[in-house]
Each structure stands twice: as C-alpha cells, then as structure tokens.
C-alpha cells in the first residue's frame, strides 16, 4: 500500500451534539475503542460515551503536590539546619516558618504535574493531525460534530465500519488519509 494513501480512519459528521453522543455510545457498545470526537463546544457525557476516564489526573496531582511539598520543606530544612544554621537561644529551627513556601510549592507541584499530564495524554503540542486533511473538518470549530474511528482499532474493517457509521445516519462519512 502506498504510504501517501494510507487510511488513518473513518470520519463521520453528525448534525448536532445529541446525534454525536448517540453515535459515540453506539460505537463504544459495538466494540470500537480507538475513537475520537470533535465538537465546537463541550458535550455533556461525551467523555464517558467514548469510554475515556480521567482517573489518572487526580493521582498525578497528588503525587506532584507531595513531591513539590516534600522537596521544598526538605530544601528549607537543610538550609536552616545544615547550610546556614542559626542558633537562637539554643532552640531548634522553627518549622512553622517553613509552611508558607511549602504550601505554595505543593500547589505549584500539583498544577505542573496536571498541566504536563494533560499535554502528554492529549498528545499535545500537535501541529498536524490527519483529520485536518478532510475538506469539511474546518466546521469542527464552528458548527460541526465529528466522530472518527481509527484504522488501528482492533474491530476496524473498512467496509463494515463504514456501514456501521452510515447506519447512525450521519451527514456524511469520509475516509481520512494520513
């Protein structure tokens, strides 16, 4: 097969968010797992209909926050006890003074972990995607609702998948070249 005409998947355009949501649910129930949906606005329930969950992000935020907080507290503690000890009245350094910076860096660690986690999970920054080759895909930023079934999906068969998408009554179905 010529790599210039290799198919990325099938793209179906739907008339509205309800039709897209119905199609995503039907595709997931039919066994398709490599699905992507594109819409100009958030569609309630679409993430769940695609079978995607965000379970990893809260854990990532927790780990990032803990790492940021522990490292900041340890850095401050080492600096006031070992690097620059200040003996005031024979007392140990006051740890409550370390809390404000520790809190701020805990928040920063969690935010940065989630930010980079979302970028990596989304495959961003991506300057090019094969669906951009479809002539009508520009409508996804204004009034188009699209569902793409990736050719790498284990259940993908070109003719059967096209027939399945056409049974969902889309506006159109087109093959997306890589």
N, C-alpha and C. Protein backbone atom coordinates (compact mmCIF):
# COMPACT_ATOMS: atom_id res chain seq x y z
N UNK A 1 0.85 -1.18 0.00
CA UNK A 1 0.00 0.00 0.00
C UNK A 1 0.89 1.23 0.00
N UNK A 2 0.57 2.19 -0.80
CA UNK A 2 1.32 3.43 -0.88
C UNK A 2 1.13 4.23 0.40
N UNK A 3 2.23 4.63 1.10
CA UNK A 3 2.07 5.34 2.37
C UNK A 3 1.37 6.68 2.22
N UNK A 4 1.37 7.25 1.02
CA UNK A 4 0.69 8.53 0.83
C UNK A 4 -0.82 8.38 0.92
N UNK A 5 -1.34 7.18 0.64
CA UNK A 5 -2.78 6.95 0.64
C UNK A 5 -3.20 6.02 1.78
N UNK A 6 -2.36 5.88 2.77
CA UNK A 6 -2.72 5.06 3.92
C UNK A 6 -3.86 5.73 4.67
N UNK A 7 -4.84 4.94 5.05
CA UNK A 7 -6.03 5.49 5.70
C UNK A 7 -5.79 5.59 7.20
N UNK A 8 -6.07 6.76 7.76
CA UNK A 8 -5.98 6.97 9.21
C UNK A 8 -7.23 6.41 9.90
N UNK A 9 -8.38 6.58 9.25
CA UNK A 9 -9.63 6.10 9.83
C UNK A 9 -10.82 6.62 9.05
N UNK A 10 -11.99 6.44 9.61
CA UNK A 10 -13.22 6.95 9.01
C UNK A 10 -13.78 8.06 9.88
N UNK A 11 -14.18 9.15 9.23
CA UNK A 11 -14.69 10.33 9.91
C UNK A 11 -16.15 10.52 9.52
N UNK A 12 -17.01 10.60 10.51
CA UNK A 12 -18.44 10.82 10.26
C UNK A 12 -18.85 12.15 10.86
N UNK A 13 -19.59 12.94 10.09
CA UNK A 13 -20.10 14.23 10.57
C UNK A 13 -21.56 14.05 10.96
N UNK A 14 -21.92 14.60 12.12
CA UNK A 14 -23.29 14.48 12.62
C UNK A 14 -23.93 15.85 12.73
N UNK A 15 -25.27 15.91 12.65
CA UNK A 15 -25.95 17.21 12.61
C UNK A 15 -25.95 17.98 13.94
N UNK A 16 -25.73 17.31 15.05
CA UNK A 16 -25.79 18.01 16.33
C UNK A 16 -25.15 17.23 17.45
N UNK A 17 -25.11 17.81 18.65
CA UNK A 17 -24.46 17.14 19.78
C UNK A 17 -25.17 15.87 20.22
N UNK A 18 -26.49 15.84 20.14
CA UNK A 18 -27.23 14.64 20.56
C UNK A 18 -26.91 13.47 19.63
N UNK A 19 -26.83 13.73 18.34
CA UNK A 19 -26.50 12.68 17.38
C UNK A 19 -25.07 12.19 17.58
N UNK A 20 -24.15 13.11 17.87
CA UNK A 20 -22.76 12.73 18.13
C UNK A 20 -22.67 11.87 19.38
N UNK A 21 -23.37 12.26 20.42
CA UNK A 21 -23.37 11.49 21.67
C UNK A 21 -23.94 10.09 21.45
N UNK A 22 -25.04 10.01 20.70
CA UNK A 22 -25.64 8.70 20.39
C UNK A 22 -24.65 7.85 19.58
N UNK A 23 -23.98 8.45 18.61
CA UNK A 23 -23.03 7.71 17.77
C UNK A 23 -21.84 7.23 18.59
N UNK A 24 -21.34 8.07 19.48
CA UNK A 24 -20.20 7.67 20.31
C UNK A 24 -20.57 6.50 21.22
N UNK A 25 -21.75 6.56 21.80
CA UNK A 25 -22.21 5.45 22.66
C UNK A 25 -22.36 4.16 21.84
N UNK A 26 -22.97 4.29 20.67
CA UNK A 26 -23.18 3.11 19.82
C UNK A 26 -21.85 2.51 19.37
N UNK A 27 -20.90 3.36 19.01
CA UNK A 27 -19.59 2.86 18.57
C UNK A 27 -18.86 2.16 19.71
N UNK A 28 -18.94 2.72 20.89
CA UNK A 28 -18.29 2.09 22.04
C UNK A 28 -18.96 0.76 22.37
N UNK A 29 -20.28 0.72 22.30
CA UNK A 29 -21.01 -0.53 22.57
C UNK A 29 -20.74 -1.57 21.49
N UNK A 30 -20.43 -1.13 20.27
CA UNK A 30 -20.14 -2.06 19.18
C UNK A 30 -18.72 -2.62 19.28
N UNK A 31 -17.93 -2.13 20.24
CA UNK A 31 -16.59 -2.67 20.44
C UNK A 31 -15.46 -1.80 19.97
N UNK A 32 -15.75 -0.67 19.37
CA UNK A 32 -14.69 0.23 18.93
C UNK A 32 -14.11 0.95 20.15
N UNK A 33 -12.78 0.99 20.24
CA UNK A 33 -12.14 1.63 21.39
C UNK A 33 -11.26 2.81 21.00
N UNK A 34 -10.81 2.85 19.78
CA UNK A 34 -9.96 3.97 19.34
C UNK A 34 -10.85 4.99 18.64
N UNK A 35 -11.54 5.77 19.45
CA UNK A 35 -12.50 6.75 18.97
C UNK A 35 -12.02 8.15 19.33
N UNK A 36 -12.31 9.09 18.47
CA UNK A 36 -12.06 10.49 18.75
C UNK A 36 -13.30 11.28 18.34
N UNK A 37 -13.71 12.19 19.19
CA UNK A 37 -14.87 13.03 18.88
C UNK A 37 -14.41 14.48 18.84
N UNK A 38 -14.97 15.23 17.91
CA UNK A 38 -14.62 16.64 17.74
C UNK A 38 -15.91 17.44 17.70
N UNK A 39 -15.96 18.49 18.51
CA UNK A 39 -17.14 19.35 18.51
C UNK A 39 -16.72 20.76 18.86
N UNK A 40 -17.50 21.75 18.45
CA UNK A 40 -17.14 23.14 18.73
C UNK A 40 -17.44 23.56 20.17
N UNK A 41 -18.06 22.68 20.93
CA UNK A 41 -18.41 23.02 22.32
C UNK A 41 -18.39 21.74 23.15
N UNK A 42 -18.32 21.87 24.47
CA UNK A 42 -18.37 20.67 25.30
C UNK A 42 -19.72 19.98 25.18
N UNK A 43 -19.69 18.67 25.08
CA UNK A 43 -20.92 17.87 25.00
C UNK A 43 -20.98 17.02 26.27
N UNK A 44 -21.98 17.26 27.08
CA UNK A 44 -22.14 16.56 28.35
C UNK A 44 -22.28 15.06 28.12
N UNK A 45 -21.42 14.28 28.77
CA UNK A 45 -21.48 12.83 28.67
C UNK A 45 -20.65 12.23 27.55
N UNK A 46 -20.01 13.05 26.74
CA UNK A 46 -19.25 12.53 25.60
C UNK A 46 -18.00 11.77 26.05
N UNK A 47 -17.33 12.25 27.07
CA UNK A 47 -16.13 11.57 27.56
C UNK A 47 -16.47 10.16 28.02
N UNK A 48 -17.56 10.03 28.76
CA UNK A 48 -17.98 8.71 29.22
C UNK A 48 -18.45 7.84 28.06
N UNK A 49 -19.12 8.43 27.09
CA UNK A 49 -19.61 7.67 25.94
C UNK A 49 -18.46 7.11 25.12
N UNK A 50 -17.34 7.81 25.09
CA UNK A 50 -16.17 7.34 24.35
C UNK A 50 -15.40 6.28 25.13
N UNK A 51 -15.78 6.08 26.39
CA UNK A 51 -15.10 5.09 27.21
C UNK A 51 -13.83 5.62 27.84
N UNK A 52 -13.66 6.92 27.85
CA UNK A 52 -12.46 7.52 28.41
C UNK A 52 -12.74 7.96 29.84
N UNK A 53 -11.75 7.80 30.69
CA UNK A 53 -11.87 8.26 32.07
C UNK A 53 -10.65 9.11 32.42
N UNK A 54 -10.82 9.96 33.39
CA UNK A 54 -9.72 10.82 33.83
C UNK A 54 -9.23 10.39 35.21
N UNK A 55 -9.20 9.10 35.47
CA UNK A 55 -8.81 8.62 36.78
C UNK A 55 -7.36 8.92 37.12
N UNK A 56 -6.50 9.04 36.14
CA UNK A 56 -5.09 9.24 36.42
C UNK A 56 -4.72 10.65 36.85
N UNK A 57 -5.50 11.64 36.44
CA UNK A 57 -5.13 13.02 36.76
C UNK A 57 -5.18 13.36 38.24
N UNK A 58 -6.19 12.93 39.00
CA UNK A 58 -6.15 13.23 40.44
C UNK A 58 -4.95 12.59 41.14
N UNK A 59 -4.60 11.39 40.74
CA UNK A 59 -3.42 10.74 41.33
C UNK A 59 -2.15 11.49 40.96
N UNK A 60 -2.09 11.93 39.72
CA UNK A 60 -0.93 12.69 39.27
C UNK A 60 -0.82 14.00 40.04
N UNK A 61 -1.95 14.66 40.29
CA UNK A 61 -1.94 15.89 41.09
C UNK A 61 -1.46 15.61 42.51
N UNK A 62 -1.91 14.52 43.08
CA UNK A 62 -1.49 14.17 44.44
C UNK A 62 0.02 13.92 44.50
N UNK A 63 0.53 13.15 43.56
CA UNK A 63 1.96 12.86 43.54
C UNK A 63 2.76 14.14 43.31
N UNK A 64 2.33 14.96 42.36
CA UNK A 64 3.03 16.23 42.10
C UNK A 64 3.02 17.14 43.31
N UNK A 65 1.89 17.20 44.01
CA UNK A 65 1.80 18.03 45.21
C UNK A 65 2.69 17.52 46.32
N UNK A 66 2.68 16.21 46.54
CA UNK A 66 3.53 15.63 47.59
C UNK A 66 5.00 15.85 47.28
N UNK A 67 5.39 15.60 46.05
CA UNK A 67 6.79 15.80 45.66
C UNK A 67 7.19 17.26 45.83
N UNK A 68 6.36 18.18 45.35
CA UNK A 68 6.67 19.60 45.49
C UNK A 68 6.77 20.03 46.94
N UNK A 69 5.85 19.59 47.77
CA UNK A 69 5.86 19.97 49.18
C UNK A 69 7.03 19.38 49.94
N UNK A 70 7.28 18.09 49.75
CA UNK A 70 8.38 17.43 50.47
C UNK A 70 9.73 18.01 50.06
N UNK A 71 9.93 18.20 48.76
CA UNK A 71 11.21 18.76 48.31
C UNK A 71 11.42 20.18 48.83
N UNK A 72 10.38 20.98 48.82
CA UNK A 72 10.51 22.35 49.32
C UNK A 72 10.79 22.37 50.81
N UNK A 73 10.05 21.58 51.57
CA UNK A 73 10.28 21.53 53.02
C UNK A 73 11.69 21.03 53.31
N UNK A 74 12.13 19.96 52.61
CA UNK A 74 13.46 19.42 52.82
C UNK A 74 14.54 20.44 52.47
N UNK A 75 14.37 21.15 51.38
CA UNK A 75 15.34 22.17 50.98
C UNK A 75 15.46 23.26 52.04
N UNK A 76 14.33 23.72 52.53
CA UNK A 76 14.35 24.76 53.56
C UNK A 76 14.95 24.23 54.87
N UNK A 77 14.59 23.00 55.24
CA UNK A 77 15.09 22.44 56.49
C UNK A 77 16.60 22.26 56.44
N UNK A 78 17.10 21.74 55.30
CA UNK A 78 18.55 21.58 55.15
C UNK A 78 19.24 22.93 55.20
N UNK A 79 18.65 23.92 54.58
CA UNK A 79 19.30 25.24 54.56
C UNK A 79 19.34 25.89 55.94
N UNK A 80 18.32 25.69 56.80
CA UNK A 80 18.34 26.34 58.12
C UNK A 80 19.00 25.49 59.19
N UNK A 81 19.24 24.20 58.92
CA UNK A 81 19.90 23.36 59.94
C UNK A 81 21.33 23.01 59.60
N UNK A 82 21.65 22.84 58.32
CA UNK A 82 22.99 22.39 57.94
C UNK A 82 23.78 23.49 57.24
N UNK A 83 23.20 24.07 56.19
CA UNK A 83 23.94 25.04 55.39
C UNK A 83 24.14 26.37 56.11
N UNK A 84 23.11 26.91 56.69
CA UNK A 84 23.18 28.21 57.37
C UNK A 84 22.52 28.11 58.74
N UNK A 85 23.13 27.36 59.67
CA UNK A 85 22.49 27.22 60.98
C UNK A 85 22.50 28.54 61.75
N UNK A 86 21.39 28.79 62.41
CA UNK A 86 21.25 30.00 63.21
C UNK A 86 20.75 29.56 64.58
N UNK A 87 21.63 29.61 65.56
CA UNK A 87 21.29 29.16 66.90
C UNK A 87 20.77 30.35 67.69
N UNK A 88 19.47 30.35 67.93
CA UNK A 88 18.85 31.43 68.69
C UNK A 88 18.34 30.85 69.99
N UNK A 89 19.01 31.17 71.08
CA UNK A 89 18.58 30.70 72.40
C UNK A 89 18.70 29.20 72.57
N UNK A 90 19.52 28.52 71.77
CA UNK A 90 19.71 27.09 71.90
C UNK A 90 18.53 26.26 71.42
N UNK A 91 17.63 26.87 70.72
CA UNK A 91 16.44 26.15 70.23
C UNK A 91 16.65 25.65 68.80
N UNK A 92 15.88 24.64 68.45
CA UNK A 92 15.92 24.13 67.08
C UNK A 92 15.22 25.13 66.16
N UNK A 93 15.49 25.06 64.87
CA UNK A 93 14.82 25.98 63.94
C UNK A 93 13.30 25.81 64.02
N UNK A 94 12.60 26.89 63.82
CA UNK A 94 11.14 26.89 63.90
C UNK A 94 10.55 26.44 62.57
N UNK A 95 9.97 25.24 62.56
CA UNK A 95 9.41 24.71 61.32
C UNK A 95 8.16 25.45 60.86
N UNK A 96 7.36 26.09 61.72
CA UNK A 96 6.18 26.79 61.19
C UNK A 96 6.52 27.90 60.19
N UNK A 97 7.72 28.43 60.28
CA UNK A 97 8.12 29.45 59.30
C UNK A 97 8.34 28.88 57.91
N UNK A 98 8.45 27.58 57.81
CA UNK A 98 8.68 26.94 56.51
C UNK A 98 7.37 26.59 55.79
N UNK A 99 6.26 26.69 56.49
CA UNK A 99 4.98 26.25 55.94
C UNK A 99 4.50 27.08 54.74
N UNK A 100 4.58 28.42 54.74
CA UNK A 100 4.04 29.16 53.58
C UNK A 100 4.68 28.77 52.25
N UNK A 101 6.01 28.69 52.22
CA UNK A 101 6.67 28.32 50.96
C UNK A 101 6.36 26.86 50.61
N UNK A 102 6.28 26.00 51.62
CA UNK A 102 5.95 24.60 51.38
C UNK A 102 4.56 24.46 50.76
N UNK A 103 3.61 25.21 51.30
CA UNK A 103 2.25 25.16 50.75
C UNK A 103 2.22 25.64 49.30
N UNK A 104 2.89 26.76 49.04
CA UNK A 104 2.89 27.30 47.68
C UNK A 104 3.52 26.32 46.68
N UNK A 105 4.60 25.69 47.07
CA UNK A 105 5.26 24.76 46.17
C UNK A 105 4.49 23.44 46.03
N UNK A 106 3.71 23.09 47.05
CA UNK A 106 2.82 21.93 46.93
C UNK A 106 1.78 22.19 45.85
N UNK A 107 1.19 23.37 45.89
CA UNK A 107 0.19 23.74 44.88
C UNK A 107 0.84 23.80 43.50
N UNK A 108 2.02 24.42 43.41
CA UNK A 108 2.71 24.52 42.12
C UNK A 108 3.06 23.14 41.58
N UNK A 109 3.53 22.24 42.44
CA UNK A 109 3.86 20.88 42.00
C UNK A 109 2.65 20.16 41.45
N UNK A 110 1.50 20.29 42.13
CA UNK A 110 0.28 19.64 41.66
C UNK A 110 -0.18 20.22 40.33
N UNK A 111 -0.14 21.54 40.22
CA UNK A 111 -0.58 22.20 38.98
C UNK A 111 0.32 21.81 37.81
N UNK A 112 1.63 21.84 38.01
CA UNK A 112 2.55 21.48 36.92
C UNK A 112 2.40 20.01 36.53
N UNK A 113 2.21 19.14 37.50
CA UNK A 113 2.02 17.72 37.19
C UNK A 113 0.78 17.51 36.34
N UNK A 114 -0.32 18.16 36.70
CA UNK A 114 -1.56 18.02 35.92
C UNK A 114 -1.41 18.65 34.55
N UNK A 115 -0.79 19.83 34.47
CA UNK A 115 -0.61 20.51 33.19
C UNK A 115 0.17 19.63 32.21
N UNK A 116 1.31 19.12 32.65
CA UNK A 116 2.11 18.30 31.74
C UNK A 116 1.46 16.93 31.51
N UNK A 117 0.73 16.42 32.49
CA UNK A 117 0.00 15.17 32.29
C UNK A 117 -1.07 15.29 31.23
N UNK A 118 -1.79 16.41 31.24
CA UNK A 118 -2.82 16.65 30.22
C UNK A 118 -2.18 16.81 28.85
N UNK A 119 -1.07 17.54 28.78
CA UNK A 119 -0.39 17.70 27.50
C UNK A 119 0.06 16.35 26.94
N UNK A 120 0.68 15.53 27.77
CA UNK A 120 1.15 14.23 27.30
C UNK A 120 0.00 13.31 26.92
N UNK A 121 -1.04 13.29 27.73
CA UNK A 121 -2.18 12.41 27.45
C UNK A 121 -2.92 12.82 26.19
N UNK A 122 -2.97 14.11 25.93
CA UNK A 122 -3.67 14.61 24.75
C UNK A 122 -2.81 14.56 23.50
N UNK A 123 -1.53 14.25 23.66
CA UNK A 123 -0.64 14.23 22.51
C UNK A 123 -0.27 15.61 22.03
N UNK A 124 -0.37 16.58 22.90
CA UNK A 124 -0.05 17.96 22.53
C UNK A 124 1.40 18.26 22.87
N UNK A 125 2.04 19.21 22.27
CA UNK A 125 1.52 20.02 21.18
C UNK A 125 1.59 19.26 19.86
N UNK A 126 0.50 19.21 19.17
CA UNK A 126 0.40 18.53 17.88
C UNK A 126 0.00 19.57 16.85
N UNK A 127 0.91 19.85 15.96
CA UNK A 127 0.66 20.87 14.95
C UNK A 127 -0.08 20.31 13.74
N UNK A 128 -0.07 18.99 13.60
CA UNK A 128 -0.73 18.37 12.45
C UNK A 128 -1.46 17.12 12.93
N UNK A 129 -2.64 16.92 12.41
CA UNK A 129 -3.40 15.70 12.68
C UNK A 129 -4.04 15.27 11.36
N UNK A 130 -4.11 13.98 11.07
CA UNK A 130 -4.67 13.53 9.80
C UNK A 130 -6.08 14.01 9.52
N UNK A 131 -6.92 14.25 10.53
CA UNK A 131 -8.28 14.69 10.25
C UNK A 131 -8.30 16.07 9.60
N UNK A 132 -7.20 16.81 9.70
CA UNK A 132 -7.13 18.11 9.03
C UNK A 132 -7.17 17.96 7.52
N UNK A 133 -6.90 16.76 7.00
CA UNK A 133 -6.94 16.51 5.56
C UNK A 133 -8.37 16.49 5.02
N UNK A 134 -9.35 16.26 5.88
CA UNK A 134 -10.74 16.21 5.44
C UNK A 134 -11.22 17.63 5.11
N UNK A 135 -11.83 17.77 3.95
CA UNK A 135 -12.23 19.11 3.49
C UNK A 135 -13.26 19.78 4.39
N UNK A 136 -14.16 19.03 4.98
CA UNK A 136 -15.21 19.63 5.80
C UNK A 136 -14.88 19.72 7.27
N UNK A 137 -13.68 19.30 7.67
CA UNK A 137 -13.35 19.25 9.09
C UNK A 137 -13.21 20.64 9.72
N UNK A 138 -13.00 21.65 8.94
CA UNK A 138 -12.89 23.01 9.49
C UNK A 138 -14.16 23.40 10.24
N UNK A 139 -15.28 22.78 9.91
CA UNK A 139 -16.54 23.08 10.60
C UNK A 139 -16.53 22.63 12.06
N UNK A 140 -15.55 21.81 12.45
CA UNK A 140 -15.48 21.35 13.84
C UNK A 140 -15.24 22.50 14.81
N UNK A 141 -14.75 23.62 14.31
CA UNK A 141 -14.53 24.77 15.19
C UNK A 141 -15.71 25.73 15.21
N UNK A 142 -16.73 25.46 14.40
CA UNK A 142 -17.89 26.37 14.40
C UNK A 142 -19.21 25.64 14.64
N UNK A 143 -19.56 24.70 13.78
CA UNK A 143 -20.85 24.03 13.94
C UNK A 143 -20.85 22.56 13.52
N UNK A 144 -19.69 21.94 13.44
CA UNK A 144 -19.62 20.54 13.02
C UNK A 144 -19.36 19.61 14.19
N UNK A 145 -19.97 18.44 14.15
CA UNK A 145 -19.81 17.43 15.18
C UNK A 145 -19.32 16.16 14.50
N UNK A 146 -18.10 15.73 14.84
CA UNK A 146 -17.44 14.64 14.13
C UNK A 146 -17.07 13.50 15.06
N UNK A 147 -17.12 12.29 14.53
CA UNK A 147 -16.65 11.10 15.23
C UNK A 147 -15.71 10.38 14.28
N UNK A 148 -14.51 10.08 14.76
CA UNK A 148 -13.51 9.39 13.95
C UNK A 148 -13.20 8.04 14.59
N UNK A 149 -13.25 7.00 13.79
CA UNK A 149 -12.85 5.67 14.24
C UNK A 149 -11.50 5.39 13.60
N UNK A 150 -10.51 5.19 14.43
CA UNK A 150 -9.13 4.99 13.99
C UNK A 150 -8.97 3.64 13.30
N UNK A 151 -8.20 3.61 12.21
CA UNK A 151 -7.97 2.37 11.48
C UNK A 151 -7.15 1.38 12.31
N UNK A 152 -6.48 1.86 13.35
CA UNK A 152 -5.69 0.97 14.21
C UNK A 152 -6.56 0.24 15.24
N UNK A 153 -7.84 0.54 15.27
CA UNK A 153 -8.76 -0.13 16.20
C UNK A 153 -8.85 -1.61 15.84
N UNK A 154 -8.82 -2.50 16.83
CA UNK A 154 -8.89 -3.94 16.52
C UNK A 154 -10.16 -4.36 15.78
N UNK A 155 -11.27 -3.65 15.97
CA UNK A 155 -12.52 -4.01 15.30
C UNK A 155 -12.69 -3.32 13.95
N UNK A 156 -11.73 -2.55 13.53
CA UNK A 156 -11.86 -1.77 12.30
C UNK A 156 -11.74 -2.68 11.08
N UNK A 157 -12.77 -2.67 10.28
CA UNK A 157 -12.79 -3.27 8.95
C UNK A 157 -13.38 -2.19 8.06
N UNK A 158 -12.69 -1.78 6.99
CA UNK A 158 -13.13 -0.62 6.23
C UNK A 158 -14.60 -0.64 5.82
N UNK A 159 -15.06 -1.72 5.23
CA UNK A 159 -16.44 -1.76 4.75
C UNK A 159 -17.44 -1.87 5.90
N UNK A 160 -17.17 -2.75 6.85
CA UNK A 160 -18.09 -2.92 7.98
C UNK A 160 -18.18 -1.65 8.83
N UNK A 161 -17.04 -1.00 9.03
CA UNK A 161 -17.04 0.22 9.84
C UNK A 161 -17.79 1.34 9.12
N UNK A 162 -17.60 1.43 7.81
CA UNK A 162 -18.34 2.45 7.05
C UNK A 162 -19.85 2.18 7.12
N UNK A 163 -20.24 0.92 6.96
CA UNK A 163 -21.67 0.58 7.05
C UNK A 163 -22.22 0.88 8.45
N UNK A 164 -21.41 0.59 9.47
CA UNK A 164 -21.84 0.89 10.83
C UNK A 164 -22.06 2.39 11.02
N UNK A 165 -21.10 3.20 10.56
CA UNK A 165 -21.23 4.65 10.71
C UNK A 165 -22.43 5.17 9.91
N UNK A 166 -22.64 4.65 8.71
CA UNK A 166 -23.77 5.10 7.91
C UNK A 166 -25.11 4.69 8.54
N UNK A 167 -25.12 3.63 9.31
CA UNK A 167 -26.36 3.23 9.99
C UNK A 167 -26.73 4.21 11.11
N UNK A 168 -25.78 5.03 11.53
CA UNK A 168 -26.05 6.02 12.58
C UNK A 168 -26.61 7.32 12.00
N UNK A 169 -26.85 7.36 10.71
CA UNK A 169 -27.43 8.49 9.99
C UNK A 169 -26.62 9.79 10.13
N UNK A 170 -25.36 9.74 9.73
CA UNK A 170 -24.56 10.97 9.77
C UNK A 170 -24.86 11.84 8.55
N UNK A 171 -24.35 13.05 8.58
CA UNK A 171 -24.46 13.93 7.42
C UNK A 171 -23.62 13.37 6.29
N UNK A 172 -22.43 12.89 6.64
CA UNK A 172 -21.54 12.27 5.65
C UNK A 172 -20.50 11.42 6.37
N UNK A 173 -19.92 10.47 5.64
CA UNK A 173 -18.83 9.63 6.13
C UNK A 173 -17.72 9.72 5.11
N UNK A 174 -16.50 9.94 5.57
CA UNK A 174 -15.37 10.02 4.64
C UNK A 174 -14.15 9.34 5.24
N UNK A 175 -13.32 8.81 4.35
CA UNK A 175 -12.06 8.20 4.78
C UNK A 175 -11.03 9.31 4.98
N UNK A 176 -10.24 9.19 6.03
CA UNK A 176 -9.22 10.18 6.34
C UNK A 176 -7.86 9.59 6.00
N UNK A 177 -7.14 10.24 5.10
CA UNK A 177 -5.80 9.79 4.73
C UNK A 177 -4.78 10.34 5.72
N UNK A 178 -3.70 9.58 5.90
CA UNK A 178 -2.64 10.06 6.79
C UNK A 178 -1.81 11.13 6.13
